[in-house]
Amino acid sequence: MIYKIKLKLLSIFITLITILFTYATEDLNAAEIKNIAIVNNITITNIDLENEIELIKILNDEKNFSYNEISSAALNNLIDEILKKEEINKNNIYINLNNLNKDFKDFVNRKKNNKLINDHLSKILYNKIKIDYEWNALIMKDYSNNIDINMDEIDKKISQLNLSKEVIDKEKEKMINQEKNKKISIYSKFRLNKIKNKSLIKLF
């Protein structure tokens, strides 16, 4: 009889432990993943934010940022990426992945802290750069007719530098690309702000 009672008590004890462990695991999971924002029905979690913060630190060579500053920048990045990706998909934008893969590899190799970019962060970073390339392709497609470069102004700047003939063409190409990128940036911000004004963005 005593043996049976002990077995019954042991069984109850194991059941209680199992229940407590289950609830503890659920509480832990709930504490680990929280929605911090919704952008057009797409959720951003605290894990997404932590990954973005980690990447910002690495890409900026571990510069000291306040937590509020870096978390705000990270959240804005994540929101922008969702909106850009939706617009990219809507417009069926595709890019040359061979060029992307090469540029991604070169970019990572140039970073001082590239050893801190593990496989998980590497995939996130690759996707971020892919979205940027696709977004720039979209901007060029829709606004290329509006991107005019003042060649007279560039030639004037070149003449003031007293460069040798060997480097004039390279410097001119560099200046043209700089001017083009400035205008792409202006149209990019314009397009993104226009999309934001029409989007449902909820922060928690």
Foldseek 3Di string as FASTA:
>chain_A
DVVVVVVVVVVVVVVVVVVVVVVVVVVVVPVVWDFFKAWQNRTDIPVQLVLQLVVVCQQVVNDDDPPVVSSVVSVVLVNLLVLLVVVLVVVVFDDDVVVLVVVLVVSLVPGPNSVVCDPVSSVVVSVSVRSVVRSLVVLCVVCVVVQDDDLVVLVVVLVVVPDDPVCSVVSSVVVSVVSSVVVSVVSSVVVSVVSVVVIDMDGD
